[in-house]
Amino acid sequence: MEGIDALKKAANILGSQRAVADAIGIKQPSVNQILKRGKKVPAEWCIPLERATRAKGTTVTRHQLRPDLFPEAEEARQ
């Protein structure tokens, strides 16, 4: 699971697209646009989403959201 699938999982964990938007400080339609258009998850969303999902007990990692920007090895160090 990566990219848009990881964003969908984050929305499920957090409860809604609105909760995703709140976690990253944006408006819900922006989340919906990314999901509908299948665009890459914006880089600035990755760490806040990782933290928000971790707080719910199931982490969607920055690597899962954007493996092109966050290599697995880097995550393992944190």
PDB file of N, CA and C in Angstrom:
ATOM      1  N   MET A   1       0.845  -1.172   0.000  1.00  0.00           N
ATOM      2  CA  MET A   1       0.000   0.000   0.000  1.00  0.00           C
ATOM      3  C   MET A   1       0.888   1.231   0.000  1.00  0.00           C
ATOM      4  N   GLU A   2       0.627   2.103  -0.954  1.00  0.00           N
ATOM      5  CA  GLU A   2       1.347   3.371  -0.960  1.00  0.00           C
ATOM      6  C   GLU A   2       0.554   4.423  -1.724  1.00  0.00           C
ATOM      7  N   GLY A   3       0.985   5.662  -1.577  1.00  0.00           N
ATOM      8  CA  GLY A   3       0.360   6.759  -2.290  1.00  0.00           C
ATOM      9  C   GLY A   3      -1.093   6.974  -1.902  1.00  0.00           C
ATOM     10  N   ILE A   4      -1.955   7.001  -2.905  1.00  0.00           N
ATOM     11  CA  ILE A   4      -3.382   7.266  -2.698  1.00  0.00           C
ATOM     12  C   ILE A   4      -4.012   6.209  -1.802  1.00  0.00           C
ATOM     13  N   ASP A   5      -3.612   4.950  -1.962  1.00  0.00           N
ATOM     14  CA  ASP A   5      -4.159   3.896  -1.091  1.00  0.00           C
ATOM     15  C   ASP A   5      -3.805   4.167   0.371  1.00  0.00           C
ATOM     16  N   ALA A   6      -2.603   4.662   0.618  1.00  0.00           N
ATOM     17  CA  ALA A   6      -2.202   4.996   1.982  1.00  0.00           C
ATOM     18  C   ALA A   6      -3.012   6.185   2.508  1.00  0.00           C
ATOM     19  N   LEU A   7      -3.308   7.145   1.639  1.00  0.00           N
ATOM     20  CA  LEU A   7      -4.126   8.280   2.056  1.00  0.00           C
ATOM     21  C   LEU A   7      -5.546   7.822   2.387  1.00  0.00           C
ATOM     22  N   LYS A   8      -6.077   6.904   1.605  1.00  0.00           N
ATOM     23  CA  LYS A   8      -7.405   6.346   1.895  1.00  0.00           C
ATOM     24  C   LYS A   8      -7.404   5.631   3.245  1.00  0.00           C
ATOM     25  N   LYS A   9      -6.327   4.887   3.512  1.00  0.00           N
ATOM     26  CA  LYS A   9      -6.232   4.192   4.787  1.00  0.00           C
ATOM     27  C   LYS A   9      -6.164   5.197   5.940  1.00  0.00           C
ATOM     28  N   ALA A  10      -5.415   6.284   5.745  1.00  0.00           N
ATOM     29  CA  ALA A  10      -5.336   7.321   6.779  1.00  0.00           C
ATOM     30  C   ALA A  10      -6.722   7.904   7.052  1.00  0.00           C
ATOM     31  N   ALA A  11      -7.489   8.127   5.992  1.00  0.00           N
ATOM     32  CA  ALA A  11      -8.849   8.657   6.171  1.00  0.00           C
ATOM     33  C   ALA A  11      -9.711   7.668   6.949  1.00  0.00           C
ATOM     34  N   ASN A  12      -9.551   6.387   6.680  1.00  0.00           N
ATOM     35  CA  ASN A  12     -10.305   5.367   7.425  1.00  0.00           C
ATOM     36  C   ASN A  12      -9.894   5.344   8.897  1.00  0.00           C
ATOM     37  N   ILE A  13      -8.608   5.431   9.151  1.00  0.00           N
ATOM     38  CA  ILE A  13      -8.111   5.413  10.529  1.00  0.00           C
ATOM     39  C   ILE A  13      -8.598   6.646  11.294  1.00  0.00           C
ATOM     40  N   LEU A  14      -8.511   7.792  10.647  1.00  0.00           N
ATOM     41  CA  LEU A  14      -8.891   9.037  11.311  1.00  0.00           C
ATOM     42  C   LEU A  14     -10.398   9.248  11.341  1.00  0.00           C
ATOM     43  N   GLY A  15     -11.112   8.557  10.451  1.00  0.00           N
ATOM     44  CA  GLY A  15     -12.568   8.608  10.485  1.00  0.00           C
ATOM     45  C   GLY A  15     -13.236   9.331   9.338  1.00  0.00           C
ATOM     46  N   SER A  16     -12.506  10.202   8.647  1.00  0.00           N
ATOM     47  CA  SER A  16     -13.116  10.930   7.536  1.00  0.00           C
ATOM     48  C   SER A  16     -12.063  11.757   6.799  1.00  0.00           C
ATOM     49  N   GLN A  17     -12.455  12.234   5.622  1.00  0.00           N
ATOM     50  CA  GLN A  17     -11.588  13.162   4.906  1.00  0.00           C
ATOM     51  C   GLN A  17     -11.452  14.464   5.692  1.00  0.00           C
ATOM     52  N   ARG A  18     -12.497  14.854   6.369  1.00  0.00           N
ATOM     53  CA  ARG A  18     -12.460  16.073   7.182  1.00  0.00           C
ATOM     54  C   ARG A  18     -11.416  15.943   8.294  1.00  0.00           C
ATOM     55  N   ALA A  19     -11.343  14.772   8.905  1.00  0.00           N
ATOM     56  CA  ALA A  19     -10.354  14.545   9.956  1.00  0.00           C
ATOM     57  C   ALA A  19      -8.932  14.595   9.391  1.00  0.00           C
ATOM     58  N   VAL A  20      -8.763  14.085   8.176  1.00  0.00           N
ATOM     59  CA  VAL A  20      -7.453  14.187   7.509  1.00  0.00           C
ATOM     60  C   VAL A  20      -7.114  15.658   7.312  1.00  0.00           C
ATOM     61  N   ALA A  21      -8.054  16.410   6.784  1.00  0.00           N
ATOM     62  CA  ALA A  21      -7.832  17.838   6.542  1.00  0.00           C
ATOM     63  C   ALA A  21      -7.488  18.566   7.835  1.00  0.00           C
ATOM     64  N   ASP A  22      -8.222  18.271   8.891  1.00  0.00           N
ATOM     65  CA  ASP A  22      -7.957  18.908  10.185  1.00  0.00           C
ATOM     66  C   ASP A  22      -6.556  18.570  10.693  1.00  0.00           C
ATOM     67  N   ALA A  23      -6.131  17.337  10.476  1.00  0.00           N
ATOM     68  CA  ALA A  23      -4.809  16.899  10.955  1.00  0.00           C
ATOM     69  C   ALA A  23      -3.671  17.627  10.247  1.00  0.00           C
ATOM     70  N   ILE A  24      -3.924  18.046   9.007  1.00  0.00           N
ATOM     71  CA  ILE A  24      -2.851  18.706   8.258  1.00  0.00           C
ATOM     72  C   ILE A  24      -3.090  20.197   8.047  1.00  0.00           C
ATOM     73  N   GLY A  25      -4.187  20.705   8.606  1.00  0.00           N
ATOM     74  CA  GLY A  25      -4.434  22.137   8.572  1.00  0.00           C
ATOM     75  C   GLY A  25      -4.908  22.681   7.233  1.00  0.00           C
ATOM     76  N   ILE A  26      -5.702  21.902   6.529  1.00  0.00           N
ATOM     77  CA  ILE A  26      -6.243  22.343   5.243  1.00  0.00           C
ATOM     78  C   ILE A  26      -7.752  22.132   5.246  1.00  0.00           C
ATOM     79  N   LYS A  27      -8.391  22.436   4.135  1.00  0.00           N
ATOM     80  CA  LYS A  27      -9.830  22.218   4.000  1.00  0.00           C
ATOM     81  C   LYS A  27     -10.098  20.868   3.333  1.00  0.00           C
ATOM     82  N   GLN A  28     -11.207  20.262   3.692  1.00  0.00           N
ATOM     83  CA  GLN A  28     -11.565  18.922   3.214  1.00  0.00           C
ATOM     84  C   GLN A  28     -11.598  18.797   1.692  1.00  0.00           C
ATOM     85  N   PRO A  29     -12.077  19.795   0.931  1.00  0.00           N
ATOM     86  CA  PRO A  29     -12.092  19.623  -0.523  1.00  0.00           C
ATOM     87  C   PRO A  29     -10.706  19.355  -1.137  1.00  0.00           C
ATOM     88  N   SER A  30      -9.665  19.850  -0.489  1.00  0.00           N
ATOM     89  CA  SER A  30      -8.307  19.585  -0.990  1.00  0.00           C
ATOM     90  C   SER A  30      -7.968  18.107  -0.887  1.00  0.00           C
ATOM     91  N   VAL A  31      -8.386  17.480   0.192  1.00  0.00           N
ATOM     92  CA  VAL A  31      -8.159  16.039   0.360  1.00  0.00           C
ATOM     93  C   VAL A  31      -8.949  15.286  -0.704  1.00  0.00           C
ATOM     94  N   ASN A  32     -10.195  15.670  -0.890  1.00  0.00           N
ATOM     95  CA  ASN A  32     -11.050  15.015  -1.871  1.00  0.00           C
ATOM     96  C   ASN A  32     -10.466  15.124  -3.273  1.00  0.00           C
ATOM     97  N   GLN A  33      -9.921  16.273  -3.625  1.00  0.00           N
ATOM     98  CA  GLN A  33      -9.320  16.460  -4.950  1.00  0.00           C
ATOM     99  C   GLN A  33      -8.159  15.492  -5.177  1.00  0.00           C
ATOM    100  N   ILE A  34      -7.297  15.378  -4.194  1.00  0.00           N
ATOM    101  CA  ILE A  34      -6.153  14.466  -4.329  1.00  0.00           C
ATOM    102  C   ILE A  34      -6.646  13.037  -4.515  1.00  0.00           C
ATOM    103  N   LEU A  35      -7.631  12.643  -3.730  1.00  0.00           N
ATOM    104  CA  LEU A  35      -8.163  11.286  -3.822  1.00  0.00           C
ATOM    105  C   LEU A  35      -8.849  11.043  -5.165  1.00  0.00           C
ATOM    106  N   LYS A  36      -9.661  11.960  -5.607  1.00  0.00           N
ATOM    107  CA  LYS A  36     -10.404  11.780  -6.862  1.00  0.00           C
ATOM    108  C   LYS A  36      -9.496  11.764  -8.083  1.00  0.00           C
ATOM    109  N   ARG A  37      -8.514  12.628  -8.073  1.00  0.00           N
ATOM    110  CA  ARG A  37      -7.633  12.756  -9.238  1.00  0.00           C
ATOM    111  C   ARG A  37      -6.452  11.807  -9.210  1.00  0.00           C
ATOM    112  N   GLY A  38      -6.279  11.119  -8.090  1.00  0.00           N
ATOM    113  CA  GLY A  38      -5.184  10.159  -7.996  1.00  0.00           C
ATOM    114  C   GLY A  38      -3.812  10.796  -8.041  1.00  0.00           C
ATOM    115  N   LYS A  39      -3.733  12.037  -7.570  1.00  0.00           N
ATOM    116  CA  LYS A  39      -2.448  12.741  -7.555  1.00  0.00           C
ATOM    117  C   LYS A  39      -1.575  12.211  -6.422  1.00  0.00           C
ATOM    118  N   LYS A  40      -0.308  12.597  -6.464  1.00  0.00           N
ATOM    119  CA  LYS A  40       0.581  12.248  -5.362  1.00  0.00           C
ATOM    120  C   LYS A  40       0.172  13.025  -4.122  1.00  0.00           C
ATOM    121  N   VAL A  41       0.347  12.393  -2.995  1.00  0.00           N
ATOM    122  CA  VAL A  41       0.076  13.053  -1.720  1.00  0.00           C
ATOM    123  C   VAL A  41       1.116  14.160  -1.553  1.00  0.00           C
ATOM    124  N   PRO A  42       0.696  15.387  -1.280  1.00  0.00           N
ATOM    125  CA  PRO A  42       1.670  16.463  -1.086  1.00  0.00           C
ATOM    126  C   PRO A  42       2.640  16.133   0.050  1.00  0.00           C
ATOM    127  N   ALA A  43       3.883  16.429  -0.180  1.00  0.00           N
ATOM    128  CA  ALA A  43       4.943  16.084   0.770  1.00  0.00           C
ATOM    129  C   ALA A  43       4.673  16.645   2.160  1.00  0.00           C
ATOM    130  N   GLU A  44       4.137  17.867   2.220  1.00  0.00           N
ATOM    131  CA  GLU A  44       3.915  18.503   3.526  1.00  0.00           C
ATOM    132  C   GLU A  44       2.800  17.836   4.324  1.00  0.00           C
ATOM    133  N   TRP A  45       2.038  16.954   3.721  1.00  0.00           N
ATOM    134  CA  TRP A  45       0.987  16.222   4.425  1.00  0.00           C
ATOM    135  C   TRP A  45       1.526  14.990   5.143  1.00  0.00           C
ATOM    136  N   CYS A  46       2.648  14.472   4.699  1.00  0.00           N
ATOM    137  CA  CYS A  46       3.100  13.144   5.122  1.00  0.00           C
ATOM    138  C   CYS A  46       3.402  13.022   6.613  1.00  0.00           C
ATOM    139  N   ILE A  47       4.209  13.891   7.146  1.00  0.00           N
ATOM    140  CA  ILE A  47       4.577  13.774   8.554  1.00  0.00           C
ATOM    141  C   ILE A  47       3.385  14.046   9.474  1.00  0.00           C
ATOM    142  N   PRO A  48       2.583  15.102   9.217  1.00  0.00           N
ATOM    143  CA  PRO A  48       1.397  15.280  10.074  1.00  0.00           C
ATOM    144  C   PRO A  48       0.443  14.087  10.032  1.00  0.00           C
ATOM    145  N   LEU A  49       0.278  13.466   8.861  1.00  0.00           N
ATOM    146  CA  LEU A  49      -0.599  12.295   8.779  1.00  0.00           C
ATOM    147  C   LEU A  49      -0.006  11.099   9.501  1.00  0.00           C
ATOM    148  N   GLU A  50       1.290  10.940   9.412  1.00  0.00           N
ATOM    149  CA  GLU A  50       1.942   9.860  10.144  1.00  0.00           C
ATOM    150  C   GLU A  50       1.699  10.034  11.643  1.00  0.00           C
ATOM    151  N   ARG A  51       1.868  11.243  12.137  1.00  0.00           N
ATOM    152  CA  ARG A  51       1.660  11.509  13.565  1.00  0.00           C
ATOM    153  C   ARG A  51       0.208  11.308  13.975  1.00  0.00           C
ATOM    154  N   ALA A  52      -0.710  11.808  13.159  1.00  0.00           N
ATOM    155  CA  ALA A  52      -2.136  11.699  13.486  1.00  0.00           C
ATOM    156  C   ALA A  52      -2.597  10.249  13.500  1.00  0.00           C
ATOM    157  N   THR A  53      -2.145   9.463  12.540  1.00  0.00           N
ATOM    158  CA  THR A  53      -2.562   8.051  12.522  1.00  0.00           C
ATOM    159  C   THR A  53      -1.882   7.277  13.636  1.00  0.00           C
ATOM    160  N   ARG A  54      -0.642   7.607  13.942  1.00  0.00           N
ATOM    161  CA  ARG A  54       0.053   6.934  15.057  1.00  0.00           C
ATOM    162  C   ARG A  54      -0.714   7.158  16.357  1.00  0.00           C
ATOM    163  N   ALA A  55      -1.236   8.364  16.534  1.00  0.00           N
ATOM    164  CA  ALA A  55      -1.996   8.681  17.744  1.00  0.00           C
ATOM    165  C   ALA A  55      -3.274   7.846  17.850  1.00  0.00           C
ATOM    166  N   LYS A  56      -3.767   7.339  16.725  1.00  0.00           N
ATOM    167  CA  LYS A  56      -4.965   6.492  16.715  1.00  0.00           C
ATOM    168  C   LYS A  56      -4.626   5.012  16.868  1.00  0.00           C
ATOM    169  N   GLY A  57      -3.330   4.686  16.894  1.00  0.00           N
ATOM    170  CA  GLY A  57      -2.920   3.307  17.129  1.00  0.00           C
ATOM    171  C   GLY A  57      -2.532   2.500  15.907  1.00  0.00           C
ATOM    172  N   THR A  58      -2.785   3.016  14.713  1.00  0.00           N
ATOM    173  CA  THR A  58      -2.383   2.346  13.471  1.00  0.00           C
ATOM    174  C   THR A  58      -1.723   3.383  12.587  1.00  0.00           C
ATOM    175  N   THR A  59      -0.433   3.251  12.379  1.00  0.00           N
ATOM    176  CA  THR A  59       0.318   4.277  11.676  1.00  0.00           C
ATOM    177  C   THR A  59       0.350   4.053  10.175  1.00  0.00           C
ATOM    178  N   VAL A  60       0.008   5.112   9.441  1.00  0.00           N
ATOM    179  CA  VAL A  60       0.283   5.187   8.013  1.00  0.00           C
ATOM    180  C   VAL A  60       1.556   6.012   7.933  1.00  0.00           C
ATOM    181  N   THR A  61       2.628   5.412   7.449  1.00  0.00           N
ATOM    182  CA  THR A  61       3.933   6.073   7.491  1.00  0.00           C
ATOM    183  C   THR A  61       4.129   7.042   6.333  1.00  0.00           C
ATOM    184  N   ARG A  62       5.071   7.934   6.545  1.00  0.00           N
ATOM    185  CA  ARG A  62       5.446   8.877   5.476  1.00  0.00           C
ATOM    186  C   ARG A  62       5.953   8.121   4.266  1.00  0.00           C
ATOM    187  N   HIS A  63       6.636   7.003   4.501  1.00  0.00           N
ATOM    188  CA  HIS A  63       7.116   6.181   3.388  1.00  0.00           C
ATOM    189  C   HIS A  63       5.951   5.622   2.577  1.00  0.00           C
ATOM    190  N   GLN A  64       4.900   5.184   3.246  1.00  0.00           N
ATOM    191  CA  GLN A  64       3.738   4.659   2.531  1.00  0.00           C
ATOM    192  C   GLN A  64       3.051   5.754   1.724  1.00  0.00           C
ATOM    193  N   LEU A  65       3.018   6.953   2.265  1.00  0.00           N
ATOM    194  CA  LEU A  65       2.374   8.065   1.572  1.00  0.00           C
ATOM    195  C   LEU A  65       3.202   8.563   0.388  1.00  0.00           C
ATOM    196  N   ARG A  66       4.519   8.652   0.548  1.00  0.00           N
ATOM    197  CA  ARG A  66       5.399   9.147  -0.519  1.00  0.00           C
ATOM    198  C   ARG A  66       6.741   8.419  -0.492  1.00  0.00           C
ATOM    199  N   PRO A  67       6.766   7.181  -0.986  1.00  0.00           N
ATOM    200  CA  PRO A  67       8.018   6.420  -0.965  1.00  0.00           C
ATOM    201  C   PRO A  67       9.130   7.060  -1.796  1.00  0.00           C
ATOM    202  N   ASP A  68       8.752   7.902  -2.752  1.00  0.00           N
ATOM    203  CA  ASP A  68       9.764   8.575  -3.568  1.00  0.00           C
ATOM    204  C   ASP A  68      10.523   9.643  -2.778  1.00  0.00           C
ATOM    205  N   LEU A  69       9.911  10.156  -1.719  1.00  0.00           N
ATOM    206  CA  LEU A  69      10.544  11.199  -0.916  1.00  0.00           C
ATOM    207  C   LEU A  69      11.072  10.714   0.429  1.00  0.00           C
ATOM    208  N   PHE A  70      10.457   9.669   0.955  1.00  0.00           N
ATOM    209  CA  PHE A  70      10.813   9.174   2.284  1.00  0.00           C
ATOM    210  C   PHE A  70      11.214   7.701   2.201  1.00  0.00           C
ATOM    211  N   PRO A  71      12.504   7.450   2.001  1.00  0.00           N
ATOM    212  CA  PRO A  71      12.960   6.057   1.916  1.00  0.00           C
ATOM    213  C   PRO A  71      12.708   5.300   3.214  1.00  0.00           C
ATOM    214  N   GLU A  72      12.452   4.026   3.100  1.00  0.00           N
ATOM    215  CA  GLU A  72      12.182   3.166   4.254  1.00  0.00           C
ATOM    216  C   GLU A  72      13.300   3.246   5.290  1.00  0.00           C
ATOM    217  N   ALA A  73      14.545   3.266   4.836  1.00  0.00           N
ATOM    218  CA  ALA A  73      15.677   3.281   5.756  1.00  0.00           C
ATOM    219  C   ALA A  73      15.662   4.525   6.636  1.00  0.00           C
ATOM    220  N   GLU A  74      15.267   5.644   6.076  1.00  0.00           N
ATOM    221  CA  GLU A  74      15.205   6.887   6.851  1.00  0.00           C
ATOM    222  C   GLU A  74      14.170   6.766   7.966  1.00  0.00           C
ATOM    223  N   GLU A  75      13.038   6.157   7.660  1.00  0.00           N
ATOM    224  CA  GLU A  75      11.988   5.961   8.665  1.00  0.00           C
ATOM    225  C   GLU A  75      12.458   5.096   9.802  1.00  0.00           C
ATOM    226  N   ALA A  76      13.218   4.069   9.486  1.00  0.00           N
ATOM    227  CA  ALA A  76      13.648   3.110  10.496  1.00  0.00           C
ATOM    228  C   ALA A  76      14.516   3.786  11.564  1.00  0.00           C
ATOM    229  N   ARG A  77      15.191   4.857  11.202  1.00  0.00           N
ATOM    230  CA  ARG A  77      16.059   5.559  12.139  1.00  0.00           C
ATOM    231  C   ARG A  77      15.268   6.399  13.119  1.00  0.00           C
ATOM    232  N   GLN A  78      14.022   6.717  12.811  1.00  0.00           N
ATOM    233  CA  GLN A  78      13.273   7.659  13.649  1.00  0.00           C
ATOM    234  C   GLN A  78      12.421   6.989  14.669  1.00  0.00           C
TER     235      GLN A  78
END
